[in-house]
């Protein structure tokens, strides 16, 4: 039966695993939120009537509020991640370790305040910490790429173990590059919100959409 083939198709099972995760749903909502922000800007710049722009502004606002509600209590996850990074006894570059701990603690503090704004219905706050968190992420990404490049120089590609290690490094480098692109795109959001740089809604919307799609792709792979 065609219906049975669709119901039991592996792709559907994968999709259900993906949307069952809070991260998966958040990344989908974020993609729609930031694309709506970009498209509302595009309609405005092409002199479309306000009636055509309003639905996308509404989606941007409502999905932003929905995501804030979904993030309630998420600060605990980042506190746990910071504790795990602190207790990590395996060999790891100390710079990356401290950046990871600082980033997780920063997100925990940011999300705690974010939860308060939801509970007390204060609204969105312009927090400078958001920009610092993204800056830490960018620094970590650049440093990771540098560390992988230096490590690759010590590998003997003529040996069997060296070939395997080289392939592993290349895989890590590709992941680091993708994450760096995502972090750079995310940095545009707090930077524009805080007025540090002058970016219109079109650039912020595109940046947020790209980083969100990278997040969707990453979470999709994790739930495979």
C-alpha atoms as a PDB file:
ATOM      1  CA  UNK A   1       0.000   0.000   0.000  1.00  0.00           C
ATOM      2  CA  UNK A   2       1.150   3.508  -0.822  1.00  0.00           C
ATOM      3  CA  UNK A   3      -0.075   4.760   2.560  1.00  0.00           C
ATOM      4  CA  UNK A   4       1.959   2.120   4.398  1.00  0.00           C
ATOM      5  CA  UNK A   5       5.046   2.987   2.368  1.00  0.00           C
ATOM      6  CA  UNK A   6       4.710   6.636   3.401  1.00  0.00           C
ATOM      7  CA  UNK A   7       3.882   5.964   7.046  1.00  0.00           C
ATOM      8  CA  UNK A   8       6.791   3.588   7.557  1.00  0.00           C
ATOM      9  CA  UNK A   9       9.274   5.451   5.364  1.00  0.00           C
ATOM     10  CA  UNK A  10      12.636   6.060   7.147  1.00  0.00           C
ATOM     11  CA  UNK A  11      12.522   9.756   6.206  1.00  0.00           C
ATOM     12  CA  UNK A  12       9.278  10.216   8.135  1.00  0.00           C
ATOM     13  CA  UNK A  13      10.733   8.454  11.178  1.00  0.00           C
ATOM     14  CA  UNK A  14      13.783  10.717  10.940  1.00  0.00           C
ATOM     15  CA  UNK A  15      11.581  13.817  10.709  1.00  0.00           C
ATOM     16  CA  UNK A  16       9.608  12.766  13.788  1.00  0.00           C
ATOM     17  CA  UNK A  17      12.828  12.264  15.767  1.00  0.00           C
ATOM     18  CA  UNK A  18      13.985  15.699  14.625  1.00  0.00           C
ATOM     19  CA  UNK A  19      10.832  17.616  15.623  1.00  0.00           C
ATOM     20  CA  UNK A  20      10.663  15.684  18.906  1.00  0.00           C
ATOM     21  CA  UNK A  21      13.754  17.608  20.043  1.00  0.00           C
ATOM     22  CA  UNK A  22      13.473  21.109  21.483  1.00  0.00           C
ATOM     23  CA  UNK A  23      16.539  22.167  19.480  1.00  0.00           C
ATOM     24  CA  UNK A  24      15.001  20.911  16.231  1.00  0.00           C
ATOM     25  CA  UNK A  25      11.763  22.829  16.754  1.00  0.00           C
ATOM     26  CA  UNK A  26      13.638  25.953  17.854  1.00  0.00           C
ATOM     27  CA  UNK A  27      15.872  25.927  14.764  1.00  0.00           C
ATOM     28  CA  UNK A  28      12.862  25.552  12.462  1.00  0.00           C
ATOM     29  CA  UNK A  29      11.027  28.404  14.172  1.00  0.00           C
ATOM     30  CA  UNK A  30      14.177  30.540  14.101  1.00  0.00           C
ATOM     31  CA  UNK A  31      14.594  29.944  10.363  1.00  0.00           C
ATOM     32  CA  UNK A  32      11.037  31.089   9.698  1.00  0.00           C
ATOM     33  CA  UNK A  33      11.396  34.035  12.102  1.00  0.00           C
ATOM     34  CA  UNK A  34      14.529  35.447  10.475  1.00  0.00           C
ATOM     35  CA  UNK A  35      13.404  34.748   6.925  1.00  0.00           C
ATOM     36  CA  UNK A  36      10.193  36.640   7.720  1.00  0.00           C
ATOM     37  CA  UNK A  37      12.332  39.507   9.008  1.00  0.00           C
ATOM     38  CA  UNK A  38      14.288  39.544   5.753  1.00  0.00           C
ATOM     39  CA  UNK A  39      11.208  39.198   3.557  1.00  0.00           C
ATOM     40  CA  UNK A  40       9.342  41.990   5.376  1.00  0.00           C
ATOM     41  CA  UNK A  41      12.363  44.221   4.717  1.00  0.00           C
ATOM     42  CA  UNK A  42      12.424  43.135   1.058  1.00  0.00           C
ATOM     43  CA  UNK A  43       8.727  43.933   0.599  1.00  0.00           C
ATOM     44  CA  UNK A  44       9.237  47.328   2.232  1.00  0.00           C
ATOM     45  CA  UNK A  45      12.210  48.149  -0.005  1.00  0.00           C
ATOM     46  CA  UNK A  46      10.240  47.186  -3.120  1.00  0.00           C
ATOM     47  CA  UNK A  47       7.391  49.550  -2.139  1.00  0.00           C
ATOM     48  CA  UNK A  48       4.832  46.848  -1.451  1.00  0.00           C
ATOM     49  CA  UNK A  49       1.717  47.873   0.501  1.00  0.00           C
ATOM     50  CA  UNK A  50       1.808  47.671   4.288  1.00  0.00           C
ATOM     51  CA  UNK A  51      -0.947  45.050   4.153  1.00  0.00           C
ATOM     52  CA  UNK A  52       1.508  42.710   2.392  1.00  0.00           C
ATOM     53  CA  UNK A  53       4.254  43.401   4.940  1.00  0.00           C
ATOM     54  CA  UNK A  54       2.208  43.062   8.144  1.00  0.00           C
ATOM     55  CA  UNK A  55       1.777  39.249   8.038  1.00  0.00           C
ATOM     56  CA  UNK A  56       5.557  38.729   7.964  1.00  0.00           C
ATOM     57  CA  UNK A  57       6.123  41.243  10.750  1.00  0.00           C
ATOM     58  CA  UNK A  58       3.520  39.331  12.769  1.00  0.00           C
ATOM     59  CA  UNK A  59       5.253  35.995  12.105  1.00  0.00           C
ATOM     60  CA  UNK A  60       8.601  37.516  13.107  1.00  0.00           C
ATOM     61  CA  UNK A  61       7.175  38.817  16.378  1.00  0.00           C
ATOM     62  CA  UNK A  62       5.042  35.797  17.313  1.00  0.00           C
ATOM     63  CA  UNK A  63       7.709  33.214  16.493  1.00  0.00           C
ATOM     64  CA  UNK A  64      10.236  35.245  18.493  1.00  0.00           C
ATOM     65  CA  UNK A  65       7.902  35.149  21.504  1.00  0.00           C
ATOM     66  CA  UNK A  66       7.279  31.421  21.020  1.00  0.00           C
ATOM     67  CA  UNK A  67      11.009  30.733  20.990  1.00  0.00           C
ATOM     68  CA  UNK A  68      11.460  32.718  24.211  1.00  0.00           C
ATOM     69  CA  UNK A  69       8.837  30.540  25.882  1.00  0.00           C
ATOM     70  CA  UNK A  70      10.471  27.334  24.596  1.00  0.00           C
ATOM     71  CA  UNK A  71      13.785  28.504  26.097  1.00  0.00           C
ATOM     72  CA  UNK A  72      12.393  28.706  29.646  1.00  0.00           C
ATOM     73  CA  UNK A  73      14.598  26.575  31.881  1.00  0.00           C
ATOM     74  CA  UNK A  74      17.183  25.963  29.149  1.00  0.00           C
ATOM     75  CA  UNK A  75      19.837  27.706  31.275  1.00  0.00           C
ATOM     76  CA  UNK A  76      20.180  24.470  33.281  1.00  0.00           C
ATOM     77  CA  UNK A  77      21.446  22.703  30.165  1.00  0.00           C
ATOM     78  CA  UNK A  78      24.237  25.260  29.765  1.00  0.00           C
ATOM     79  CA  UNK A  79      25.190  25.070  33.441  1.00  0.00           C
ATOM     80  CA  UNK A  80      25.565  21.306  33.042  1.00  0.00           C
ATOM     81  CA  UNK A  81      27.640  21.786  29.868  1.00  0.00           C
ATOM     82  CA  UNK A  82      29.926  24.230  31.726  1.00  0.00           C
ATOM     83  CA  UNK A  83      30.372  21.736  34.576  1.00  0.00           C
ATOM     84  CA  UNK A  84      31.196  18.940  32.120  1.00  0.00           C
ATOM     85  CA  UNK A  85      33.765  21.158  30.359  1.00  0.00           C
ATOM     86  CA  UNK A  86      35.300  22.038  33.734  1.00  0.00           C
ATOM     87  CA  UNK A  87      35.533  18.386  34.817  1.00  0.00           C
ATOM     88  CA  UNK A  88      36.846  17.193  31.453  1.00  0.00           C
ATOM     89  CA  UNK A  89      40.102  15.368  32.230  1.00  0.00           C
ATOM     90  CA  UNK A  90      40.916  14.365  28.654  1.00  0.00           C
ATOM     91  CA  UNK A  91      43.736  16.192  26.842  1.00  0.00           C
ATOM     92  CA  UNK A  92      42.306  19.433  25.470  1.00  0.00           C
ATOM     93  CA  UNK A  93      43.729  22.789  24.527  1.00  0.00           C
ATOM     94  CA  UNK A  94      43.335  25.005  27.642  1.00  0.00           C
ATOM     95  CA  UNK A  95      42.332  28.015  25.521  1.00  0.00           C
ATOM     96  CA  UNK A  96      39.424  26.115  23.976  1.00  0.00           C
ATOM     97  CA  UNK A  97      38.499  24.697  27.377  1.00  0.00           C
ATOM     98  CA  UNK A  98      38.216  28.106  29.048  1.00  0.00           C
ATOM     99  CA  UNK A  99      36.403  29.570  26.059  1.00  0.00           C
ATOM    100  CA  UNK A 100      33.904  26.700  26.215  1.00  0.00           C
ATOM    101  CA  UNK A 101      33.354  27.156  29.962  1.00  0.00           C
ATOM    102  CA  UNK A 102      32.962  30.926  29.611  1.00  0.00           C
ATOM    103  CA  UNK A 103      30.581  30.568  26.708  1.00  0.00           C
ATOM    104  CA  UNK A 104      28.354  28.057  28.522  1.00  0.00           C
ATOM    105  CA  UNK A 105      28.270  30.125  31.723  1.00  0.00           C
ATOM    106  CA  UNK A 106      27.496  33.222  29.676  1.00  0.00           C
ATOM    107  CA  UNK A 107      24.598  31.521  27.916  1.00  0.00           C
ATOM    108  CA  UNK A 108      23.309  30.252  31.254  1.00  0.00           C
ATOM    109  CA  UNK A 109      23.249  33.812  32.621  1.00  0.00           C
ATOM    110  CA  UNK A 110      21.721  35.214  29.443  1.00  0.00           C
ATOM    111  CA  UNK A 111      18.968  32.582  29.354  1.00  0.00           C
ATOM    112  CA  UNK A 112      18.238  33.104  33.059  1.00  0.00           C
ATOM    113  CA  UNK A 113      17.534  36.784  32.375  1.00  0.00           C
ATOM    114  CA  UNK A 114      15.644  35.788  29.227  1.00  0.00           C
ATOM    115  CA  UNK A 115      13.394  33.556  31.353  1.00  0.00           C
ATOM    116  CA  UNK A 116      12.761  36.415  33.794  1.00  0.00           C
ATOM    117  CA  UNK A 117      11.650  38.694  30.976  1.00  0.00           C
ATOM    118  CA  UNK A 118       9.112  36.068  29.914  1.00  0.00           C
ATOM    119  CA  UNK A 119       7.770  35.402  33.409  1.00  0.00           C
ATOM    120  CA  UNK A 120       7.473  39.090  34.276  1.00  0.00           C
ATOM    121  CA  UNK A 121       6.317  40.019  30.755  1.00  0.00           C
ATOM    122  CA  UNK A 122       8.904  42.779  30.661  1.00  0.00           C
ATOM    123  CA  UNK A 123       9.689  42.224  26.994  1.00  0.00           C
ATOM    124  CA  UNK A 124      12.924  41.984  25.063  1.00  0.00           C
ATOM    125  CA  UNK A 125      16.013  43.459  26.680  1.00  0.00           C
ATOM    126  CA  UNK A 126      19.095  44.678  24.859  1.00  0.00           C
ATOM    127  CA  UNK A 127      21.795  42.721  26.647  1.00  0.00           C
ATOM    128  CA  UNK A 128      25.422  43.441  25.801  1.00  0.00           C
ATOM    129  CA  UNK A 129      26.300  39.923  26.962  1.00  0.00           C
ATOM    130  CA  UNK A 130      24.682  38.514  23.812  1.00  0.00           C
ATOM    131  CA  UNK A 131      27.345  40.152  21.660  1.00  0.00           C
ATOM    132  CA  UNK A 132      30.165  38.994  23.958  1.00  0.00           C
ATOM    133  CA  UNK A 133      28.898  35.408  23.802  1.00  0.00           C
ATOM    134  CA  UNK A 134      28.992  35.435  20.002  1.00  0.00           C
ATOM    135  CA  UNK A 135      32.436  37.036  20.039  1.00  0.00           C
ATOM    136  CA  UNK A 136      33.668  34.163  22.252  1.00  0.00           C
ATOM    137  CA  UNK A 137      32.175  31.706  19.774  1.00  0.00           C
ATOM    138  CA  UNK A 138      33.938  33.388  16.841  1.00  0.00           C
ATOM    139  CA  UNK A 139      37.272  33.463  18.708  1.00  0.00           C
ATOM    140  CA  UNK A 140      36.891  29.772  19.547  1.00  0.00           C
ATOM    141  CA  UNK A 141      36.120  28.950  15.913  1.00  0.00           C
ATOM    142  CA  UNK A 142      39.139  30.832  14.543  1.00  0.00           C
ATOM    143  CA  UNK A 143      41.428  29.315  17.179  1.00  0.00           C
ATOM    144  CA  UNK A 144      40.134  25.814  16.454  1.00  0.00           C
ATOM    145  CA  UNK A 145      40.969  26.187  12.758  1.00  0.00           C
ATOM    146  CA  UNK A 146      44.454  27.476  13.633  1.00  0.00           C
ATOM    147  CA  UNK A 147      45.054  24.590  16.065  1.00  0.00           C
ATOM    148  CA  UNK A 148      43.973  22.016  13.461  1.00  0.00           C
ATOM    149  CA  UNK A 149      46.290  23.582  10.880  1.00  0.00           C
ATOM    150  CA  UNK A 150      49.252  23.397  13.254  1.00  0.00           C
ATOM    151  CA  UNK A 151      48.407  19.807  14.207  1.00  0.00           C
ATOM    152  CA  UNK A 152      48.241  18.792  10.546  1.00  0.00           C
ATOM    153  CA  UNK A 153      51.850  19.945  10.030  1.00  0.00           C
ATOM    154  CA  UNK A 154      53.083  17.270  12.458  1.00  0.00           C
ATOM    155  CA  UNK A 155      51.416  14.374  10.639  1.00  0.00           C
ATOM    156  CA  UNK A 156      53.312  11.983   8.400  1.00  0.00           C
ATOM    157  CA  UNK A 157      50.864  11.247   5.579  1.00  0.00           C
ATOM    158  CA  UNK A 158      53.021   8.356   4.349  1.00  0.00           C
ATOM    159  CA  UNK A 159      52.151   6.276   7.405  1.00  0.00           C
ATOM    160  CA  UNK A 160      48.851   4.465   7.821  1.00  0.00           C
ATOM    161  CA  UNK A 161      47.998   6.171  11.117  1.00  0.00           C
ATOM    162  CA  UNK A 162      48.958   9.521   9.621  1.00  0.00           C
ATOM    163  CA  UNK A 163      46.486   9.089   6.759  1.00  0.00           C
ATOM    164  CA  UNK A 164      43.677   8.262   9.185  1.00  0.00           C
ATOM    165  CA  UNK A 165      44.594  11.211  11.407  1.00  0.00           C
ATOM    166  CA  UNK A 166      44.717  13.566   8.392  1.00  0.00           C
ATOM    167  CA  UNK A 167      41.212  12.533   7.346  1.00  0.00           C
ATOM    168  CA  UNK A 168      39.978  13.056  10.898  1.00  0.00           C
ATOM    169  CA  UNK A 169      41.513  16.551  11.008  1.00  0.00           C
ATOM    170  CA  UNK A 170      39.958  17.474   7.657  1.00  0.00           C
ATOM    171  CA  UNK A 171      36.551  16.394   8.961  1.00  0.00           C
ATOM    172  CA  UNK A 172      37.020  18.465  12.122  1.00  0.00           C
ATOM    173  CA  UNK A 173      38.162  21.440  10.040  1.00  0.00           C
ATOM    174  CA  UNK A 174      35.071  21.284   7.831  1.00  0.00           C
ATOM    175  CA  UNK A 175      32.836  21.210  10.931  1.00  0.00           C
ATOM    176  CA  UNK A 176      34.766  24.132  12.470  1.00  0.00           C
ATOM    177  CA  UNK A 177      34.410  26.195   9.289  1.00  0.00           C
ATOM    178  CA  UNK A 178      30.664  25.632   9.157  1.00  0.00           C
ATOM    179  CA  UNK A 179      30.310  26.538  12.838  1.00  0.00           C
ATOM    180  CA  UNK A 180      32.416  29.672  12.324  1.00  0.00           C
ATOM    181  CA  UNK A 181      30.152  30.807   9.481  1.00  0.00           C
ATOM    182  CA  UNK A 182      27.138  30.234  11.733  1.00  0.00           C
ATOM    183  CA  UNK A 183      28.713  32.163  14.621  1.00  0.00           C
ATOM    184  CA  UNK A 184      29.673  35.085  12.363  1.00  0.00           C
ATOM    185  CA  UNK A 185      26.118  35.258  11.032  1.00  0.00           C
ATOM    186  CA  UNK A 186      24.730  35.122  14.579  1.00  0.00           C
ATOM    187  CA  UNK A 187      27.054  37.941  15.640  1.00  0.00           C
ATOM    188  CA  UNK A 188      25.227  40.316  13.302  1.00  0.00           C
ATOM    189  CA  UNK A 189      22.015  40.010  15.356  1.00  0.00           C
ATOM    190  CA  UNK A 190      23.181  41.387  18.755  1.00  0.00           C
ATOM    191  CA  UNK A 191      25.599  43.787  17.056  1.00  0.00           C
ATOM    192  CA  UNK A 192      22.736  45.385  15.107  1.00  0.00           C
ATOM    193  CA  UNK A 193      20.332  45.280  18.071  1.00  0.00           C
ATOM    194  CA  UNK A 194      22.810  47.071  20.315  1.00  0.00           C
ATOM    195  CA  UNK A 195      23.564  49.656  17.636  1.00  0.00           C
ATOM    196  CA  UNK A 196      27.259  48.719  17.481  1.00  0.00           C
ATOM    197  CA  UNK A 197      27.111  48.403  13.699  1.00  0.00           C
ATOM    198  CA  UNK A 198      24.565  49.745  11.258  1.00  0.00           C
ATOM    199  CA  UNK A 199      22.862  46.738   9.668  1.00  0.00           C
ATOM    200  CA  UNK A 200      19.396  46.837   8.157  1.00  0.00           C
ATOM    201  CA  UNK A 201      16.776  44.145   8.711  1.00  0.00           C
ATOM    202  CA  UNK A 202      17.644  42.581   5.368  1.00  0.00           C
ATOM    203  CA  UNK A 203      21.225  41.732   6.350  1.00  0.00           C
ATOM    204  CA  UNK A 204      20.251  40.680   9.877  1.00  0.00           C
ATOM    205  CA  UNK A 205      17.440  38.544   8.486  1.00  0.00           C
ATOM    206  CA  UNK A 206      19.710  36.828   5.965  1.00  0.00           C
ATOM    207  CA  UNK A 207      22.404  36.271   8.611  1.00  0.00           C
ATOM    208  CA  UNK A 208      19.881  34.783  11.036  1.00  0.00           C
ATOM    209  CA  UNK A 209      18.360  32.606   8.315  1.00  0.00           C
ATOM    210  CA  UNK A 210      21.746  31.192   7.260  1.00  0.00           C
ATOM    211  CA  UNK A 211      22.828  30.394  10.823  1.00  0.00           C
ATOM    212  CA  UNK A 212      19.399  28.863  11.525  1.00  0.00           C
ATOM    213  CA  UNK A 213      19.595  26.623   8.447  1.00  0.00           C
ATOM    214  CA  UNK A 214      23.059  25.484   9.561  1.00  0.00           C
ATOM    215  CA  UNK A 215      21.530  24.674  12.952  1.00  0.00           C
ATOM    216  CA  UNK A 216      18.686  22.748  11.296  1.00  0.00           C
ATOM    217  CA  UNK A 217      21.180  20.762   9.205  1.00  0.00           C
ATOM    218  CA  UNK A 218      23.349  20.000  12.254  1.00  0.00           C
ATOM    219  CA  UNK A 219      20.421  18.829  14.370  1.00  0.00           C
ATOM    220  CA  UNK A 220      19.029  16.815  11.436  1.00  0.00           C
ATOM    221  CA  UNK A 221      22.318  14.916  11.232  1.00  0.00           C
ATOM    222  CA  UNK A 222      22.342  14.288  14.980  1.00  0.00           C
ATOM    223  CA  UNK A 223      18.879  12.701  14.836  1.00  0.00           C
ATOM    224  CA  UNK A 224      19.670  10.467  11.834  1.00  0.00           C
END
